Structure formats: structure tokens, C-alpha cells
Amino acid sequence: MRKYKYGRPMEAFTKVMQTDWLSAALRYRAAVLLFVMASFGSAQSQEASFAMLRPEAMAPAPMVKAAFATELPQAPSHRFWDRENRILFTAVAASATADFAVTRANLQGGGQELNPVARVFSGSTAGLAVNFAAETAGVIGLSYLFHKTGHHKLERFVSMTDIGASAGAVAYGLGHR
């Protein structure tokens, strides 16, 4: 007995695609082949012959000892609160403040927060302000971590990325009022 809905048989409302796992896997055979070739290539490059495993073969050559004896030049260091970081952190705070102001105005006008993390805090003005203050503090903290570990380019990059993201959010918010 066929069941009908809206004058049509029920099979018309249900589409089932049957696939088996082999045909699904073969669809991506080029990616799988590249992955396997890359894996075996690195394994073959680390091959060692049994002759290399003798103790006298493992002793470093005199030229290698000399190469390790020289010290690498020290990376240029700077103070964390130098002029460039002060300017960057001021710009981070200013762009976060502008983002806060535009977001708050849009929320009061009936808009909604698109950032899923900030959406949690968008229920009140104080919560939204805490979110943007924490964003600024997080940028400064991450920059400090990169500074202490000697990654000075990343130290600056974090601030520049946040400034760009906040500026983009402000532009989007102003464009969609």
C-alpha cells in the first residue's frame, strides 16, 4: 500500500544516495596519493646504512666541531615598552574603542553581534566593554610572550593584525547600520 501526501507518493519526498566507502575514498585519490608520496619521501631521506652505525663513524669530524664552536649572532633586542610598541598598543586600544562604540550603537539599534565570542557579552554595555578591554589586554599579553621568547616580528604582527581586524569590524558595522 502506497502512502500519499499532497497527492504524490511518499518516495518522491525522500532521496537517498547510496555510496560505498571505496568509491568515496577513490574520489580523493590524488590527495591520498600526494600524502602517501610525501610521507614515504621523508622516510627514505632519513635512511641510514649499517656502516654509519659503527662508533668511529659517529664521531664528529673536526670541521663539524669547529662549526659548532662558533656562536650565532645574538638577535637584536629592544625594550618591550619601546616607542613602536607604545604606538601600536595605543592604536590597538583606539581601534578596540571604536569597535566597541560602533558595536554598541548597532546593538541598541536592533542589530546583532556577529562575533560568536563577543555575542556572549553583548547583553549589556558593561559586558561588551569588558570584552573589548580583555581583547586589548590579550593582544598586549601575547605580544609580551613573543617578546620574551625572542620572536620580535611576531610581537609586532599581533598588534598589527588586531588593528586590522578591529578596523574591518568598524567599517563593516558602519556600512551595515
N, C-alpha and C. Protein backbone atom coordinates (compact mmCIF):
# COMPACT_ATOMS: atom_id res chain seq x y z
N MET A 1 0.83 -1.17 0.00
CA MET A 1 0.00 0.00 0.00
C MET A 1 0.89 1.24 0.00
N ARG A 2 0.66 2.10 -0.93
CA ARG A 2 1.44 3.33 -1.05
C ARG A 2 0.80 4.41 -0.22
N LYS A 3 1.66 5.17 0.47
CA LYS A 3 1.17 6.32 1.24
C LYS A 3 1.31 7.55 0.36
N TYR A 4 0.30 8.38 0.40
CA TYR A 4 0.30 9.60 -0.39
C TYR A 4 0.26 10.82 0.52
N LYS A 5 0.97 11.85 0.10
CA LYS A 5 0.94 13.12 0.81
C LYS A 5 0.93 14.20 -0.26
N TYR A 6 0.02 15.11 -0.18
CA TYR A 6 -0.14 16.17 -1.15
C TYR A 6 -0.37 15.62 -2.56
N GLY A 7 -0.99 14.47 -2.65
CA GLY A 7 -1.31 13.89 -3.94
C GLY A 7 -0.15 13.19 -4.61
N ARG A 8 0.97 13.05 -3.92
CA ARG A 8 2.14 12.38 -4.50
C ARG A 8 2.54 11.20 -3.63
N PRO A 9 3.20 10.20 -4.23
CA PRO A 9 3.70 9.11 -3.39
C PRO A 9 4.80 9.62 -2.46
N MET A 10 4.94 9.01 -1.30
CA MET A 10 5.91 9.44 -0.30
C MET A 10 7.36 9.29 -0.77
N GLU A 11 7.64 8.38 -1.69
CA GLU A 11 9.01 8.22 -2.17
C GLU A 11 9.53 9.48 -2.84
N ALA A 12 8.64 10.27 -3.36
CA ALA A 12 9.06 11.48 -4.06
C ALA A 12 9.68 12.50 -3.10
N PHE A 13 9.36 12.41 -1.81
CA PHE A 13 9.88 13.36 -0.84
C PHE A 13 11.19 12.89 -0.20
N THR A 14 11.59 11.70 -0.47
CA THR A 14 12.78 11.16 0.15
C THR A 14 13.79 10.77 -0.92
N LYS A 15 14.96 11.36 -0.83
CA LYS A 15 16.04 10.99 -1.74
C LYS A 15 17.15 10.39 -0.91
N VAL A 16 17.60 9.23 -1.29
CA VAL A 16 18.67 8.57 -0.57
C VAL A 16 19.78 8.28 -1.56
N MET A 17 20.96 8.79 -1.25
CA MET A 17 22.12 8.49 -2.09
C MET A 17 22.89 7.36 -1.46
N GLN A 18 23.07 6.31 -2.18
CA GLN A 18 23.84 5.20 -1.66
C GLN A 18 25.25 5.26 -2.22
N THR A 19 26.23 5.29 -1.32
CA THR A 19 27.63 5.26 -1.73
C THR A 19 28.33 4.23 -0.88
N ASP A 20 29.30 3.64 -1.46
CA ASP A 20 30.11 2.73 -0.66
C ASP A 20 31.41 3.43 -0.33
N TRP A 21 32.09 2.99 0.68
CA TRP A 21 33.27 3.68 1.20
C TRP A 21 34.41 3.67 0.19
N LEU A 22 34.48 2.65 -0.65
CA LEU A 22 35.58 2.58 -1.62
C LEU A 22 35.45 3.66 -2.68
N SER A 23 34.25 3.86 -3.20
CA SER A 23 34.10 4.90 -4.22
C SER A 23 34.29 6.28 -3.62
N ALA A 24 33.91 6.46 -2.37
CA ALA A 24 34.13 7.75 -1.71
C ALA A 24 35.62 8.00 -1.51
N ALA A 25 36.37 6.97 -1.14
CA ALA A 25 37.81 7.12 -0.93
C ALA A 25 38.54 7.35 -2.25
N LEU A 26 38.10 6.71 -3.31
CA LEU A 26 38.76 6.87 -4.61
C LEU A 26 38.50 8.24 -5.22
N ARG A 27 37.47 8.91 -4.76
CA ARG A 27 37.18 10.25 -5.26
C ARG A 27 38.33 11.21 -4.93
N TYR A 28 38.99 10.97 -3.81
CA TYR A 28 40.08 11.83 -3.38
C TYR A 28 41.44 11.15 -3.56
N ARG A 29 41.56 10.34 -4.58
CA ARG A 29 42.78 9.55 -4.77
C ARG A 29 44.01 10.41 -5.03
N ALA A 30 43.85 11.56 -5.67
CA ALA A 30 45.02 12.41 -5.93
C ALA A 30 45.57 12.96 -4.62
N ALA A 31 44.69 13.39 -3.72
CA ALA A 31 45.15 13.91 -2.43
C ALA A 31 45.79 12.80 -1.61
N VAL A 32 45.19 11.62 -1.63
CA VAL A 32 45.75 10.50 -0.88
C VAL A 32 47.10 10.11 -1.44
N LEU A 33 47.22 10.09 -2.77
CA LEU A 33 48.49 9.74 -3.41
C LEU A 33 49.58 10.74 -3.04
N LEU A 34 49.27 12.04 -3.06
CA LEU A 34 50.26 13.04 -2.68
C LEU A 34 50.67 12.91 -1.22
N PHE A 35 49.72 12.59 -0.35
CA PHE A 35 50.03 12.41 1.06
C PHE A 35 50.95 11.22 1.27
N VAL A 36 50.66 10.11 0.62
CA VAL A 36 51.48 8.91 0.76
C VAL A 36 52.88 9.15 0.20
N MET A 37 52.98 9.81 -0.95
CA MET A 37 54.29 10.08 -1.54
C MET A 37 55.11 11.00 -0.65
N ALA A 38 54.47 12.00 -0.05
CA ALA A 38 55.20 12.91 0.84
C ALA A 38 55.67 12.18 2.09
N SER A 39 54.86 11.26 2.59
CA SER A 39 55.23 10.51 3.79
C SER A 39 56.42 9.59 3.52
N PHE A 40 56.39 8.88 2.40
CA PHE A 40 57.48 7.97 2.10
C PHE A 40 58.75 8.71 1.70
N GLY A 41 58.62 9.87 1.10
CA GLY A 41 59.79 10.64 0.71
C GLY A 41 60.61 11.06 1.91
N SER A 42 59.95 11.49 2.98
CA SER A 42 60.69 11.90 4.16
C SER A 42 61.28 10.70 4.87
N ALA A 43 60.62 9.54 4.81
CA ALA A 43 61.16 8.35 5.46
C ALA A 43 62.41 7.85 4.72
N GLN A 44 62.41 7.94 3.40
CA GLN A 44 63.56 7.48 2.64
C GLN A 44 64.75 8.40 2.82
N SER A 45 64.51 9.68 3.05
CA SER A 45 65.64 10.60 3.19
C SER A 45 66.34 10.43 4.52
N GLN A 46 65.72 9.75 5.47
CA GLN A 46 66.33 9.54 6.77
C GLN A 46 66.94 8.15 6.90
N GLU A 47 67.10 7.46 5.77
CA GLU A 47 67.69 6.14 5.79
C GLU A 47 69.15 6.21 6.22
N ALA A 48 69.59 5.22 6.95
CA ALA A 48 70.99 5.16 7.37
C ALA A 48 71.52 3.77 7.04
N SER A 49 72.72 3.72 6.51
CA SER A 49 73.29 2.42 6.22
C SER A 49 73.91 1.86 7.50
N PHE A 50 74.12 0.54 7.53
CA PHE A 50 74.69 -0.08 8.73
C PHE A 50 76.13 0.35 8.95
N ALA A 51 76.80 0.76 7.90
CA ALA A 51 78.18 1.22 8.05
C ALA A 51 78.24 2.50 8.87
N MET A 52 77.20 3.31 8.81
CA MET A 52 77.18 4.56 9.56
C MET A 52 76.94 4.34 11.06
N LEU A 53 76.51 3.15 11.43
CA LEU A 53 76.19 2.88 12.83
C LEU A 53 77.41 2.45 13.65
N ARG A 54 78.58 2.33 13.04
CA ARG A 54 79.79 2.00 13.79
C ARG A 54 80.19 3.18 14.66
N PRO A 55 80.77 2.94 15.84
CA PRO A 55 81.12 4.05 16.75
C PRO A 55 82.09 5.06 16.13
N GLU A 56 83.09 4.59 15.36
CA GLU A 56 84.04 5.54 14.78
C GLU A 56 83.39 6.41 13.70
N ALA A 57 82.31 5.92 13.09
CA ALA A 57 81.62 6.72 12.09
C ALA A 57 80.76 7.80 12.74
N MET A 58 80.41 7.59 14.01
CA MET A 58 79.56 8.56 14.69
C MET A 58 80.34 9.73 15.28
N ALA A 59 81.63 9.64 15.36
CA ALA A 59 82.43 10.73 15.92
C ALA A 59 82.39 11.92 14.96
N PRO A 60 82.17 13.13 15.48
CA PRO A 60 82.08 14.29 14.59
C PRO A 60 83.44 14.60 13.96
N ALA A 61 83.37 15.03 12.75
CA ALA A 61 84.59 15.40 12.04
C ALA A 61 85.12 16.71 12.64
N PRO A 62 86.44 16.96 12.51
CA PRO A 62 87.00 18.19 13.08
C PRO A 62 86.34 19.46 12.54
N MET A 63 85.96 19.44 11.28
CA MET A 63 85.35 20.62 10.70
C MET A 63 83.97 20.87 11.32
N VAL A 64 83.25 19.80 11.66
CA VAL A 64 81.94 19.94 12.28
C VAL A 64 82.10 20.51 13.68
N LYS A 65 83.14 20.08 14.42
CA LYS A 65 83.37 20.61 15.76
C LYS A 65 83.61 22.12 15.69
N ALA A 66 84.34 22.56 14.69
CA ALA A 66 84.62 23.99 14.57
C ALA A 66 83.35 24.78 14.25
N ALA A 67 82.46 24.18 13.49
CA ALA A 67 81.22 24.87 13.14
C ALA A 67 80.34 25.06 14.37
N PHE A 68 80.35 24.06 15.27
CA PHE A 68 79.54 24.17 16.47
C PHE A 68 80.19 25.08 17.51
N ALA A 69 81.48 25.30 17.43
CA ALA A 69 82.17 26.11 18.42
C ALA A 69 81.86 27.60 18.25
N THR A 70 81.58 28.01 17.03
CA THR A 70 81.27 29.43 16.82
C THR A 70 79.85 29.71 17.30
N GLU A 71 79.68 30.84 17.91
CA GLU A 71 78.36 31.21 18.40
C GLU A 71 77.60 31.97 17.33
N LEU A 72 76.32 31.78 17.35
CA LEU A 72 75.47 32.50 16.42
C LEU A 72 75.33 33.95 16.90
N PRO A 73 75.16 34.87 15.99
CA PRO A 73 74.99 36.26 16.42
C PRO A 73 73.69 36.42 17.22
N GLN A 74 73.75 37.25 18.22
CA GLN A 74 72.58 37.48 19.08
C GLN A 74 71.54 38.30 18.31
N ALA A 75 70.28 37.91 18.46
CA ALA A 75 69.21 38.64 17.80
C ALA A 75 69.12 40.04 18.40
N PRO A 76 68.84 41.03 17.57
CA PRO A 76 68.75 42.38 18.12
C PRO A 76 67.60 42.45 19.13
N SER A 77 67.89 43.02 20.27
CA SER A 77 66.90 43.08 21.32
C SER A 77 66.47 44.52 21.53
N HIS A 78 65.28 44.68 22.08
CA HIS A 78 64.77 46.01 22.37
C HIS A 78 63.94 45.91 23.64
N ARG A 79 63.67 47.02 24.22
CA ARG A 79 62.80 47.05 25.40
C ARG A 79 61.37 46.82 24.94
N PHE A 80 60.57 46.20 25.79
CA PHE A 80 59.19 45.89 25.40
C PHE A 80 58.37 47.16 25.19
N TRP A 81 58.50 48.11 26.10
CA TRP A 81 57.73 49.35 26.00
C TRP A 81 58.50 50.41 25.22
N ASP A 82 59.06 50.02 24.08
CA ASP A 82 59.75 51.00 23.24
C ASP A 82 58.71 51.84 22.50
N ARG A 83 59.19 52.80 21.74
CA ARG A 83 58.31 53.75 21.07
C ARG A 83 57.33 53.06 20.12
N GLU A 84 57.82 52.09 19.33
CA GLU A 84 56.97 51.43 18.35
C GLU A 84 55.84 50.63 19.03
N ASN A 85 56.17 49.91 20.10
CA ASN A 85 55.13 49.15 20.80
C ASN A 85 54.12 50.08 21.47
N ARG A 86 54.57 51.19 22.03
CA ARG A 86 53.63 52.13 22.64
C ARG A 86 52.64 52.66 21.59
N ILE A 87 53.15 52.97 20.40
CA ILE A 87 52.28 53.45 19.33
C ILE A 87 51.31 52.34 18.90
N LEU A 88 51.83 51.12 18.74
CA LEU A 88 50.97 50.01 18.33
C LEU A 88 49.89 49.72 19.37
N PHE A 89 50.25 49.70 20.65
CA PHE A 89 49.28 49.39 21.69
C PHE A 89 48.24 50.50 21.83
N THR A 90 48.65 51.75 21.59
CA THR A 90 47.69 52.85 21.59
C THR A 90 46.70 52.68 20.43
N ALA A 91 47.21 52.27 19.28
CA ALA A 91 46.34 52.03 18.12
C ALA A 91 45.41 50.84 18.37
N VAL A 92 45.91 49.81 19.05
CA VAL A 92 45.06 48.66 19.40
C VAL A 92 43.92 49.11 20.30
N ALA A 93 44.24 49.91 21.33
CA ALA A 93 43.21 50.39 22.25
C ALA A 93 42.22 51.30 21.53
N ALA A 94 42.72 52.17 20.65
CA ALA A 94 41.83 53.08 19.92
C ALA A 94 40.91 52.32 18.98
N SER A 95 41.44 51.33 18.27
CA SER A 95 40.59 50.58 17.34
C SER A 95 39.59 49.71 18.11
N ALA A 96 39.96 49.18 19.28
CA ALA A 96 39.01 48.42 20.10
C ALA A 96 37.92 49.35 20.64
N THR A 97 38.28 50.57 20.99
CA THR A 97 37.29 51.53 21.47
C THR A 97 36.31 51.90 20.36
N ALA A 98 36.82 52.12 19.16
CA ALA A 98 35.95 52.42 18.03
C ALA A 98 35.03 51.24 17.72
N ASP A 99 35.58 50.03 17.78
CA ASP A 99 34.78 48.83 17.55
C ASP A 99 33.69 48.71 18.61
N PHE A 100 34.04 49.00 19.86
CA PHE A 100 33.05 48.96 20.95
C PHE A 100 31.93 49.95 20.68
N ALA A 101 32.28 51.18 20.31
CA ALA A 101 31.27 52.23 20.10
C ALA A 101 30.33 51.87 18.96
N VAL A 102 30.88 51.40 17.85
CA VAL A 102 30.04 51.05 16.69
C VAL A 102 29.18 49.83 17.01
N THR A 103 29.76 48.83 17.67
CA THR A 103 29.00 47.63 18.01
C THR A 103 27.86 47.98 18.97
N ARG A 104 28.15 48.80 19.97
CA ARG A 104 27.13 49.18 20.95
C ARG A 104 25.99 49.94 20.26
N ALA A 105 26.34 50.86 19.36
CA ALA A 105 25.31 51.63 18.64
C ALA A 105 24.45 50.71 17.77
N ASN A 106 25.07 49.76 17.11
CA ASN A 106 24.32 48.82 16.26
C ASN A 106 23.42 47.91 17.10
N LEU A 107 23.91 47.48 18.26
CA LEU A 107 23.09 46.62 19.12
C LEU A 107 21.89 47.39 19.67
N GLN A 108 22.08 48.65 20.00
CA GLN A 108 20.97 49.45 20.50
C GLN A 108 19.96 49.76 19.41
N GLY A 109 20.41 49.74 18.17
CA GLY A 109 19.52 49.98 17.03
C GLY A 109 18.84 48.73 16.53
N GLY A 110 18.97 47.62 17.26
CA GLY A 110 18.29 46.38 16.86
C GLY A 110 19.17 45.40 16.11
N GLY A 111 20.44 45.70 15.94
CA GLY A 111 21.35 44.79 15.25
C GLY A 111 21.75 43.64 16.15
N GLN A 112 22.56 42.76 15.61
CA GLN A 112 23.04 41.63 16.41
C GLN A 112 24.54 41.51 16.26
N GLU A 113 25.17 40.96 17.28
CA GLU A 113 26.62 40.74 17.28
C GLU A 113 26.94 39.53 16.41
N LEU A 114 27.85 39.69 15.46
CA LEU A 114 28.20 38.59 14.56
C LEU A 114 29.33 37.73 15.11
N ASN A 115 30.16 38.29 15.98
CA ASN A 115 31.27 37.54 16.57
C ASN A 115 30.70 36.61 17.64
N PRO A 116 30.85 35.29 17.49
CA PRO A 116 30.25 34.37 18.46
C PRO A 116 30.85 34.48 19.86
N VAL A 117 32.10 34.91 19.97
CA VAL A 117 32.72 35.07 21.29
C VAL A 117 32.16 36.32 21.96
N ALA A 118 32.08 37.42 21.23
CA ALA A 118 31.57 38.67 21.79
C ALA A 118 30.06 38.63 21.99
N ARG A 119 29.37 37.74 21.31
CA ARG A 119 27.92 37.64 21.44
C ARG A 119 27.51 37.29 22.87
N VAL A 120 28.35 36.53 23.56
CA VAL A 120 28.07 36.17 24.94
C VAL A 120 28.00 37.41 25.82
N PHE A 121 28.84 38.41 25.53
CA PHE A 121 28.94 39.62 26.35
C PHE A 121 28.04 40.75 25.86
N SER A 122 27.32 40.55 24.77
CA SER A 122 26.58 41.66 24.16
C SER A 122 25.26 41.97 24.85
N GLY A 123 24.95 41.30 25.93
CA GLY A 123 23.70 41.57 26.63
C GLY A 123 23.70 42.88 27.38
N SER A 124 24.87 43.36 27.76
CA SER A 124 24.94 44.62 28.50
C SER A 124 26.12 45.44 27.99
N THR A 125 26.05 46.74 28.25
CA THR A 125 27.14 47.63 27.84
C THR A 125 28.41 47.31 28.62
N ALA A 126 28.26 47.01 29.90
CA ALA A 126 29.44 46.68 30.72
C ALA A 126 30.10 45.39 30.24
N GLY A 127 29.31 44.40 29.89
CA GLY A 127 29.86 43.14 29.39
C GLY A 127 30.60 43.34 28.08
N LEU A 128 30.04 44.17 27.22
CA LEU A 128 30.69 44.46 25.94
C LEU A 128 31.99 45.21 26.15
N ALA A 129 32.00 46.16 27.10
CA ALA A 129 33.23 46.91 27.40
C ALA A 129 34.30 45.98 27.96
N VAL A 130 33.91 45.04 28.82
CA VAL A 130 34.87 44.07 29.37
C VAL A 130 35.44 43.21 28.25
N ASN A 131 34.62 42.83 27.29
CA ASN A 131 35.09 42.03 26.16
C ASN A 131 36.18 42.76 25.38
N PHE A 132 35.94 44.03 25.05
CA PHE A 132 36.92 44.76 24.25
C PHE A 132 38.17 45.11 25.07
N ALA A 133 38.02 45.35 26.38
CA ALA A 133 39.19 45.59 27.23
C ALA A 133 40.03 44.32 27.35
N ALA A 134 39.36 43.16 27.46
CA ALA A 134 40.09 41.89 27.52
C ALA A 134 40.80 41.60 26.20
N GLU A 135 40.19 41.99 25.10
CA GLU A 135 40.84 41.82 23.79
C GLU A 135 42.14 42.61 23.74
N THR A 136 42.09 43.86 24.20
CA THR A 136 43.28 44.71 24.21
C THR A 136 44.34 44.14 25.13
N ALA A 137 43.94 43.70 26.32
CA ALA A 137 44.89 43.11 27.27
C ALA A 137 45.49 41.82 26.72
N GLY A 138 44.68 41.04 26.02
CA GLY A 138 45.18 39.80 25.41
C GLY A 138 46.21 40.06 24.33
N VAL A 139 46.00 41.09 23.54
CA VAL A 139 46.97 41.45 22.49
C VAL A 139 48.29 41.87 23.12
N ILE A 140 48.22 42.69 24.17
CA ILE A 140 49.45 43.12 24.84
C ILE A 140 50.15 41.93 25.50
N GLY A 141 49.38 41.04 26.11
CA GLY A 141 49.97 39.86 26.75
C GLY A 141 50.62 38.92 25.75
N LEU A 142 49.97 38.69 24.62
CA LEU A 142 50.55 37.82 23.60
C LEU A 142 51.81 38.45 23.00
N SER A 143 51.78 39.77 22.82
CA SER A 143 52.97 40.47 22.32
C SER A 143 54.12 40.33 23.31
N TYR A 144 53.81 40.42 24.60
CA TYR A 144 54.85 40.27 25.61
C TYR A 144 55.43 38.86 25.61
N LEU A 145 54.57 37.87 25.42
CA LEU A 145 55.05 36.48 25.34
C LEU A 145 56.01 36.32 24.16
N PHE A 146 55.64 36.86 23.01
CA PHE A 146 56.53 36.78 21.85
C PHE A 146 57.82 37.57 22.09
N HIS A 147 57.73 38.69 22.79
CA HIS A 147 58.93 39.48 23.09
C HIS A 147 59.89 38.68 23.97
N LYS A 148 59.36 38.05 24.99
CA LYS A 148 60.20 37.29 25.92
C LYS A 148 60.84 36.07 25.27
N THR A 149 60.18 35.49 24.29
CA THR A 149 60.74 34.32 23.60
C THR A 149 61.59 34.69 22.40
N GLY A 150 61.78 36.00 22.16
CA GLY A 150 62.67 36.43 21.10
C GLY A 150 62.04 36.52 19.72
N HIS A 151 60.72 36.41 19.63
CA HIS A 151 60.03 36.50 18.34
C HIS A 151 59.53 37.94 18.16
N HIS A 152 60.45 38.83 17.84
CA HIS A 152 60.13 40.25 17.81
C HIS A 152 59.25 40.64 16.63
N LYS A 153 59.37 39.94 15.51
CA LYS A 153 58.49 40.25 14.38
C LYS A 153 57.05 39.84 14.71
N LEU A 154 56.88 38.68 15.35
CA LEU A 154 55.54 38.25 15.74
C LEU A 154 54.96 39.17 16.82
N GLU A 155 55.84 39.68 17.66
CA GLU A 155 55.42 40.62 18.70
C GLU A 155 54.69 41.81 18.08
N ARG A 156 55.21 42.35 17.00
CA ARG A 156 54.60 43.49 16.33
C ARG A 156 53.40 43.04 15.47
N PHE A 157 53.51 41.85 14.89
CA PHE A 157 52.48 41.34 13.98
C PHE A 157 51.14 41.16 14.70
N VAL A 158 51.17 40.73 15.96
CA VAL A 158 49.94 40.53 16.73
C VAL A 158 49.16 41.84 16.82
N SER A 159 49.86 42.91 17.15
CA SER A 159 49.19 44.21 17.27
C SER A 159 48.65 44.67 15.93
N MET A 160 49.44 44.53 14.88
CA MET A 160 49.00 44.98 13.56
C MET A 160 47.79 44.19 13.07
N THR A 161 47.76 42.90 13.34
CA THR A 161 46.64 42.07 12.93
C THR A 161 45.37 42.48 13.67
N ASP A 162 45.49 42.74 14.98
CA ASP A 162 44.32 43.15 15.75
C ASP A 162 43.81 44.51 15.29
N ILE A 163 44.71 45.42 14.99
CA ILE A 163 44.29 46.74 14.49
C ILE A 163 43.51 46.57 13.18
N GLY A 164 44.01 45.74 12.30
CA GLY A 164 43.33 45.49 11.02
C GLY A 164 41.97 44.84 11.21
N ALA A 165 41.89 43.87 12.13
CA ALA A 165 40.61 43.19 12.36
C ALA A 165 39.59 44.15 12.97
N SER A 166 40.02 44.97 13.91
CA SER A 166 39.10 45.94 14.52
C SER A 166 38.67 46.99 13.51
N ALA A 167 39.59 47.45 12.68
CA ALA A 167 39.24 48.43 11.65
C ALA A 167 38.25 47.84 10.65
N GLY A 168 38.44 46.58 10.30
CA GLY A 168 37.49 45.91 9.41
C GLY A 168 36.12 45.77 10.05
N ALA A 169 36.08 45.46 11.35
CA ALA A 169 34.81 45.35 12.05
C ALA A 169 34.10 46.70 12.13
N VAL A 170 34.87 47.76 12.36
CA VAL A 170 34.28 49.11 12.40
C VAL A 170 33.71 49.47 11.04
N ALA A 171 34.46 49.21 9.98
CA ALA A 171 33.98 49.52 8.63
C ALA A 171 32.72 48.73 8.29
N TYR A 172 32.70 47.46 8.66
CA TYR A 172 31.52 46.63 8.42
C TYR A 172 30.33 47.15 9.21
N GLY A 173 30.57 47.48 10.49
CA GLY A 173 29.50 47.98 11.33
C GLY A 173 28.93 49.29 10.84
N LEU A 174 29.79 50.18 10.36
CA LEU A 174 29.31 51.47 9.84
C LEU A 174 28.57 51.28 8.51
N GLY A 175 28.99 50.32 7.74
CA GLY A 175 28.35 50.07 6.45
C GLY A 175 27.01 49.37 6.56
N HIS A 176 26.75 48.71 7.66
CA HIS A 176 25.50 47.94 7.82
C HIS A 176 24.63 48.50 8.94
N ARG A 177 24.51 49.79 9.02
CA ARG A 177 23.65 50.42 10.03
C ARG A 177 22.24 50.42 9.59
